[in-house]
C-alpha atoms as a PDB file:
ATOM      1  CA  UNK A   1     -27.614   8.876 -47.339  1.00  0.00           C
ATOM      2  CA  UNK A   2     -26.194  11.364 -51.081  1.00  0.00           C
ATOM      3  CA  UNK A   3     -29.823  13.407 -49.938  1.00  0.00           C
ATOM      4  CA  UNK A   4     -28.060  13.951 -46.401  1.00  0.00           C
ATOM      5  CA  UNK A   5     -25.105  14.980 -47.400  1.00  0.00           C
ATOM      6  CA  UNK A   6     -26.639  17.409 -49.940  1.00  0.00           C
ATOM      7  CA  UNK A   7     -28.651  18.567 -47.503  1.00  0.00           C
ATOM      8  CA  UNK A   8     -25.834  19.356 -44.913  1.00  0.00           C
ATOM      9  CA  UNK A   9     -24.050  21.145 -48.127  1.00  0.00           C
ATOM     10  CA  UNK A  10     -27.030  23.567 -48.241  1.00  0.00           C
ATOM     11  CA  UNK A  11     -26.864  22.131 -52.163  1.00  0.00           C
ATOM     12  CA  UNK A  12     -28.599  24.685 -54.325  1.00  0.00           C
ATOM     13  CA  UNK A  13     -32.211  23.313 -54.895  1.00  0.00           C
ATOM     14  CA  UNK A  14     -31.653  20.329 -53.656  1.00  0.00           C
ATOM     15  CA  UNK A  15     -29.995  19.010 -57.446  1.00  0.00           C
ATOM     16  CA  UNK A  16     -28.390  15.617 -56.101  1.00  0.00           C
ATOM     17  CA  UNK A  17     -26.715  14.889 -59.368  1.00  0.00           C
ATOM     18  CA  UNK A  18     -25.061  18.596 -59.403  1.00  0.00           C
ATOM     19  CA  UNK A  19     -24.077  17.875 -55.967  1.00  0.00           C
ATOM     20  CA  UNK A  20     -22.957  14.495 -56.976  1.00  0.00           C
ATOM     21  CA  UNK A  21     -20.596  15.793 -59.615  1.00  0.00           C
ATOM     22  CA  UNK A  22     -19.303  18.413 -57.596  1.00  0.00           C
ATOM     23  CA  UNK A  23     -18.533  15.495 -54.517  1.00  0.00           C
ATOM     24  CA  UNK A  24     -16.542  13.219 -56.938  1.00  0.00           C
ATOM     25  CA  UNK A  25     -15.073  16.023 -59.222  1.00  0.00           C
ATOM     26  CA  UNK A  26     -11.670  16.554 -56.211  1.00  0.00           C
ATOM     27  CA  UNK A  27     -12.496  13.506 -54.377  1.00  0.00           C
ATOM     28  CA  UNK A  28      -9.213  11.615 -55.789  1.00  0.00           C
ATOM     29  CA  UNK A  29      -7.030  14.384 -54.750  1.00  0.00           C
ATOM     30  CA  UNK A  30      -8.573  14.527 -51.456  1.00  0.00           C
ATOM     31  CA  UNK A  31      -8.458  10.370 -51.220  1.00  0.00           C
ATOM     32  CA  UNK A  32      -4.943  10.387 -52.129  1.00  0.00           C
ATOM     33  CA  UNK A  33      -3.942  13.111 -49.162  1.00  0.00           C
ATOM     34  CA  UNK A  34      -3.512  15.743 -51.222  1.00  0.00           C
ATOM     35  CA  UNK A  35      -5.911  17.988 -49.859  1.00  0.00           C
ATOM     36  CA  UNK A  36      -7.182  18.370 -46.616  1.00  0.00           C
ATOM     37  CA  UNK A  37     -10.704  18.184 -45.105  1.00  0.00           C
ATOM     38  CA  UNK A  38     -11.199  21.773 -45.395  1.00  0.00           C
ATOM     39  CA  UNK A  39      -9.578  22.352 -49.088  1.00  0.00           C
ATOM     40  CA  UNK A  40     -11.537  19.130 -50.176  1.00  0.00           C
ATOM     41  CA  UNK A  41     -14.932  20.548 -48.489  1.00  0.00           C
ATOM     42  CA  UNK A  42     -14.250  24.321 -50.212  1.00  0.00           C
ATOM     43  CA  UNK A  43     -13.600  22.709 -53.704  1.00  0.00           C
ATOM     44  CA  UNK A  44     -17.241  20.560 -53.677  1.00  0.00           C
ATOM     45  CA  UNK A  45     -18.863  23.986 -52.404  1.00  0.00           C
ATOM     46  CA  UNK A  46     -17.218  26.594 -53.843  1.00  0.00           C
ATOM     47  CA  UNK A  47     -16.297  27.962 -50.153  1.00  0.00           C
ATOM     48  CA  UNK A  48     -14.911  27.058 -47.060  1.00  0.00           C
ATOM     49  CA  UNK A  49     -17.321  26.199 -44.357  1.00  0.00           C
ATOM     50  CA  UNK A  50     -17.118  27.064 -40.997  1.00  0.00           C
ATOM     51  CA  UNK A  51     -15.371  24.385 -38.137  1.00  0.00           C
ATOM     52  CA  UNK A  52     -18.353  23.790 -37.021  1.00  0.00           C
ATOM     53  CA  UNK A  53     -19.960  22.779 -40.287  1.00  0.00           C
ATOM     54  CA  UNK A  54     -16.732  20.978 -41.789  1.00  0.00           C
ATOM     55  CA  UNK A  55     -17.067  18.540 -38.721  1.00  0.00           C
ATOM     56  CA  UNK A  56     -20.811  17.910 -39.995  1.00  0.00           C
ATOM     57  CA  UNK A  57     -19.939  17.550 -43.144  1.00  0.00           C
ATOM     58  CA  UNK A  58     -16.950  14.978 -42.460  1.00  0.00           C
ATOM     59  CA  UNK A  59     -19.382  13.067 -40.054  1.00  0.00           C
ATOM     60  CA  UNK A  60     -21.982  12.975 -42.801  1.00  0.00           C
ATOM     61  CA  UNK A  61     -19.378  11.504 -45.784  1.00  0.00           C
ATOM     62  CA  UNK A  62     -17.791   9.072 -43.047  1.00  0.00           C
ATOM     63  CA  UNK A  63     -20.972   7.688 -42.056  1.00  0.00           C
ATOM     64  CA  UNK A  64     -21.617   6.972 -45.921  1.00  0.00           C
ATOM     65  CA  UNK A  65     -18.670   5.324 -46.942  1.00  0.00           C
ATOM     66  CA  UNK A  66     -18.689   2.942 -43.215  1.00  0.00           C
ATOM     67  CA  UNK A  67     -22.031   1.358 -42.928  1.00  0.00           C
ATOM     68  CA  UNK A  68     -21.790  -2.593 -43.023  1.00  0.00           C
ATOM     69  CA  UNK A  69     -23.933  -4.861 -44.245  1.00  0.00           C
ATOM     70  CA  UNK A  70     -24.419  -8.266 -41.789  1.00  0.00           C
ATOM     71  CA  UNK A  71     -24.742 -10.701 -44.492  1.00  0.00           C
ATOM     72  CA  UNK A  72     -21.141  -9.730 -46.164  1.00  0.00           C
ATOM     73  CA  UNK A  73     -19.655  -9.257 -42.443  1.00  0.00           C
ATOM     74  CA  UNK A  74     -20.549 -12.925 -41.942  1.00  0.00           C
ATOM     75  CA  UNK A  75     -19.151 -14.477 -45.229  1.00  0.00           C
ATOM     76  CA  UNK A  76     -16.074 -12.338 -44.325  1.00  0.00           C
ATOM     77  CA  UNK A  77     -15.838 -13.752 -40.831  1.00  0.00           C
ATOM     78  CA  UNK A  78     -16.419 -17.034 -42.451  1.00  0.00           C
ATOM     79  CA  UNK A  79     -13.833 -16.852 -45.193  1.00  0.00           C
ATOM     80  CA  UNK A  80     -11.308 -15.701 -42.266  1.00  0.00           C
ATOM     81  CA  UNK A  81     -11.678 -18.328 -39.756  1.00  0.00           C
ATOM     82  CA  UNK A  82     -10.943 -20.248 -42.832  1.00  0.00           C
ATOM     83  CA  UNK A  83      -7.822 -19.472 -43.299  1.00  0.00           C
ATOM     84  CA  UNK A  84      -8.055 -16.651 -46.054  1.00  0.00           C
ATOM     85  CA  UNK A  85      -5.819 -13.757 -45.727  1.00  0.00           C
ATOM     86  CA  UNK A  86      -8.371 -10.497 -45.852  1.00  0.00           C
ATOM     87  CA  UNK A  87      -6.619  -7.012 -47.060  1.00  0.00           C
ATOM     88  CA  UNK A  88      -8.456  -3.877 -47.604  1.00  0.00           C
ATOM     89  CA  UNK A  89      -7.765  -1.590 -50.662  1.00  0.00           C
ATOM     90  CA  UNK A  90      -9.596   1.660 -49.948  1.00  0.00           C
ATOM     91  CA  UNK A  91      -9.868   5.063 -51.518  1.00  0.00           C
ATOM     92  CA  UNK A  92      -9.947   6.709 -48.169  1.00  0.00           C
ATOM     93  CA  UNK A  93      -9.034   9.673 -47.214  1.00  0.00           C
ATOM     94  CA  UNK A  94      -7.076  10.278 -43.770  1.00  0.00           C
ATOM     95  CA  UNK A  95      -9.587  10.921 -41.125  1.00  0.00           C
ATOM     96  CA  UNK A  96     -11.728   7.894 -42.922  1.00  0.00           C
ATOM     97  CA  UNK A  97      -8.592   5.442 -42.956  1.00  0.00           C
ATOM     98  CA  UNK A  98      -8.401   6.427 -39.277  1.00  0.00           C
ATOM     99  CA  UNK A  99     -12.326   5.911 -38.690  1.00  0.00           C
ATOM    100  CA  UNK A 100     -11.989   2.657 -40.137  1.00  0.00           C
ATOM    101  CA  UNK A 101      -8.874   0.874 -38.615  1.00  0.00           C
ATOM    102  CA  UNK A 102     -11.159   1.730 -35.107  1.00  0.00           C
ATOM    103  CA  UNK A 103     -14.085  -0.619 -36.286  1.00  0.00           C
ATOM    104  CA  UNK A 104     -13.626  -4.038 -34.491  1.00  0.00           C
ATOM    105  CA  UNK A 105     -14.610  -5.702 -38.126  1.00  0.00           C
ATOM    106  CA  UNK A 106     -11.269  -4.025 -39.721  1.00  0.00           C
ATOM    107  CA  UNK A 107      -9.197  -5.634 -36.665  1.00  0.00           C
ATOM    108  CA  UNK A 108     -10.281  -8.772 -36.608  1.00  0.00           C
ATOM    109  CA  UNK A 109     -10.849  -9.846 -40.362  1.00  0.00           C
ATOM    110  CA  UNK A 110      -7.972  -7.738 -42.325  1.00  0.00           C
ATOM    111  CA  UNK A 111      -4.541  -8.939 -41.633  1.00  0.00           C
ATOM    112  CA  UNK A 112      -3.748  -5.346 -43.479  1.00  0.00           C
ATOM    113  CA  UNK A 113      -5.356  -2.096 -44.440  1.00  0.00           C
ATOM    114  CA  UNK A 114      -3.608  -0.295 -47.113  1.00  0.00           C
ATOM    115  CA  UNK A 115      -5.670   3.623 -47.645  1.00  0.00           C
ATOM    116  CA  UNK A 116      -5.183   5.819 -50.805  1.00  0.00           C
ATOM    117  CA  UNK A 117      -4.324   8.689 -48.385  1.00  0.00           C
ATOM    118  CA  UNK A 118      -1.853   6.765 -46.658  1.00  0.00           C
ATOM    119  CA  UNK A 119      -0.395   5.050 -50.282  1.00  0.00           C
ATOM    120  CA  UNK A 120      -0.383   8.733 -51.870  1.00  0.00           C
ATOM    121  CA  UNK A 121      -2.244   6.929 -55.073  1.00  0.00           C
ATOM    122  CA  UNK A 122      -5.858   5.871 -55.683  1.00  0.00           C
ATOM    123  CA  UNK A 123      -7.291   2.713 -57.188  1.00  0.00           C
ATOM    124  CA  UNK A 124      -6.968   2.098 -60.524  1.00  0.00           C
ATOM    125  CA  UNK A 125      -3.779   3.105 -60.329  1.00  0.00           C
ATOM    126  CA  UNK A 126      -1.578  -0.303 -60.677  1.00  0.00           C
ATOM    127  CA  UNK A 127       0.510   0.445 -58.014  1.00  0.00           C
ATOM    128  CA  UNK A 128      -2.169   0.507 -55.098  1.00  0.00           C
ATOM    129  CA  UNK A 129      -3.303  -3.432 -56.185  1.00  0.00           C
ATOM    130  CA  UNK A 130       0.530  -4.110 -56.060  1.00  0.00           C
ATOM    131  CA  UNK A 131       0.669  -3.281 -52.325  1.00  0.00           C
ATOM    132  CA  UNK A 132      -2.422  -4.708 -51.686  1.00  0.00           C
ATOM    133  CA  UNK A 133      -1.167  -8.065 -53.370  1.00  0.00           C
ATOM    134  CA  UNK A 134       1.994  -7.950 -51.441  1.00  0.00           C
ATOM    135  CA  UNK A 135      -0.104  -7.539 -48.124  1.00  0.00           C
ATOM    136  CA  UNK A 136      -1.802 -10.711 -49.020  1.00  0.00           C
ATOM    137  CA  UNK A 137       1.146 -12.947 -48.881  1.00  0.00           C
ATOM    138  CA  UNK A 138       0.268 -14.650 -52.098  1.00  0.00           C
ATOM    139  CA  UNK A 139       2.596 -15.045 -54.948  1.00  0.00           C
ATOM    140  CA  UNK A 140      -0.135 -15.778 -58.194  1.00  0.00           C
ATOM    141  CA  UNK A 141      -2.358 -12.675 -58.359  1.00  0.00           C
ATOM    142  CA  UNK A 142      -4.472 -15.515 -60.400  1.00  0.00           C
ATOM    143  CA  UNK A 143      -5.216 -16.385 -56.422  1.00  0.00           C
ATOM    144  CA  UNK A 144      -6.336 -13.640 -55.002  1.00  0.00           C
ATOM    145  CA  UNK A 145      -9.985 -12.200 -55.922  1.00  0.00           C
ATOM    146  CA  UNK A 146     -10.431  -8.231 -55.817  1.00  0.00           C
ATOM    147  CA  UNK A 147     -13.768  -7.151 -54.937  1.00  0.00           C
ATOM    148  CA  UNK A 148     -14.899  -4.125 -55.684  1.00  0.00           C
ATOM    149  CA  UNK A 149     -18.111  -1.793 -55.861  1.00  0.00           C
ATOM    150  CA  UNK A 150     -16.480  -0.223 -59.004  1.00  0.00           C
ATOM    151  CA  UNK A 151     -16.457  -1.248 -62.612  1.00  0.00           C
ATOM    152  CA  UNK A 152     -12.958   0.535 -63.616  1.00  0.00           C
ATOM    153  CA  UNK A 153     -11.459  -0.653 -60.327  1.00  0.00           C
ATOM    154  CA  UNK A 154     -11.982  -4.227 -61.057  1.00  0.00           C
ATOM    155  CA  UNK A 155     -10.908  -3.784 -64.714  1.00  0.00           C
ATOM    156  CA  UNK A 156      -7.440  -2.298 -63.554  1.00  0.00           C
ATOM    157  CA  UNK A 157      -7.294  -5.769 -61.185  1.00  0.00           C
ATOM    158  CA  UNK A 158      -7.790  -8.213 -63.818  1.00  0.00           C
ATOM    159  CA  UNK A 159      -5.645  -6.579 -65.737  1.00  0.00           C
ATOM    160  CA  UNK A 160      -2.510  -7.279 -63.413  1.00  0.00           C
ATOM    161  CA  UNK A 161      -3.820 -10.698 -63.159  1.00  0.00           C
ATOM    162  CA  UNK A 162      -6.337 -10.651 -59.805  1.00  0.00           C
ATOM    163  CA  UNK A 163      -9.700 -12.380 -59.912  1.00  0.00           C
ATOM    164  CA  UNK A 164     -12.271  -9.581 -60.042  1.00  0.00           C
ATOM    165  CA  UNK A 165     -15.683  -9.323 -58.597  1.00  0.00           C
ATOM    166  CA  UNK A 166     -18.126  -6.242 -59.373  1.00  0.00           C
ATOM    167  CA  UNK A 167     -19.452  -6.037 -55.903  1.00  0.00           C
ATOM    168  CA  UNK A 168     -23.155  -4.511 -56.810  1.00  0.00           C
ATOM    169  CA  UNK A 169     -24.834  -5.254 -53.696  1.00  0.00           C
ATOM    170  CA  UNK A 170     -25.535  -8.815 -53.375  1.00  0.00           C
ATOM    171  CA  UNK A 171     -23.809 -10.643 -50.488  1.00  0.00           C
ATOM    172  CA  UNK A 172     -24.589 -14.390 -52.981  1.00  0.00           C
ATOM    173  CA  UNK A 173     -22.593 -13.074 -55.182  1.00  0.00           C
ATOM    174  CA  UNK A 174     -19.498 -12.554 -52.848  1.00  0.00           C
ATOM    175  CA  UNK A 175     -20.245 -15.918 -50.830  1.00  0.00           C
ATOM    176  CA  UNK A 176     -20.844 -17.686 -54.110  1.00  0.00           C
ATOM    177  CA  UNK A 177     -16.820 -16.397 -55.125  1.00  0.00           C
ATOM    178  CA  UNK A 178     -15.753 -17.481 -52.058  1.00  0.00           C
ATOM    179  CA  UNK A 179     -17.544 -20.524 -51.048  1.00  0.00           C
ATOM    180  CA  UNK A 180     -14.819 -22.663 -53.655  1.00  0.00           C
ATOM    181  CA  UNK A 181     -11.907 -21.231 -51.711  1.00  0.00           C
ATOM    182  CA  UNK A 182     -13.624 -21.659 -48.259  1.00  0.00           C
ATOM    183  CA  UNK A 183     -14.329 -25.291 -49.390  1.00  0.00           C
ATOM    184  CA  UNK A 184     -10.696 -25.901 -50.509  1.00  0.00           C
ATOM    185  CA  UNK A 185      -9.419 -24.558 -47.230  1.00  0.00           C
ATOM    186  CA  UNK A 186     -11.056 -27.143 -45.355  1.00  0.00           C
ATOM    187  CA  UNK A 187      -9.537 -29.560 -46.928  1.00  0.00           C
ATOM    188  CA  UNK A 188      -6.271 -29.441 -46.277  1.00  0.00           C
END
């Protein structure tokens, strides 16, 4: 998907590492709602894209972050059915937030969704985690499992007392972390 996005961005020489560097440099400001779609992509590209090109880039970026793994969804549906409150805390710009809110899995699984663009701050800012912890309704942070694909976000969550799982794409890791909670919730 990175290659496709770089191609759509007409990145010189299809040099993926330099494209990813340009993509990430302004991303926190974009995710925090400080940059519009146009301002973000202008920073990435070094110039303003036209309206059609901007829509194409935004659609490809959105598609990259909205792919789901059915195995993970199955685990999360089982966790939710067992009564575990699930809260989504995502570094996501405004458009992506709206798209995520419209998905069936988001509406079915998540009791609350918190997005950086709406909070005005991104993970690993501790305030983002505090909002998410409050949304769970769980007083003891040690009873909350925070799952993220970025190690720095997991480290920040652990510093606040949350259990953290650095998710590297293995659904079994997630299931292993949630199974005790699922077993305990079915016994009560």
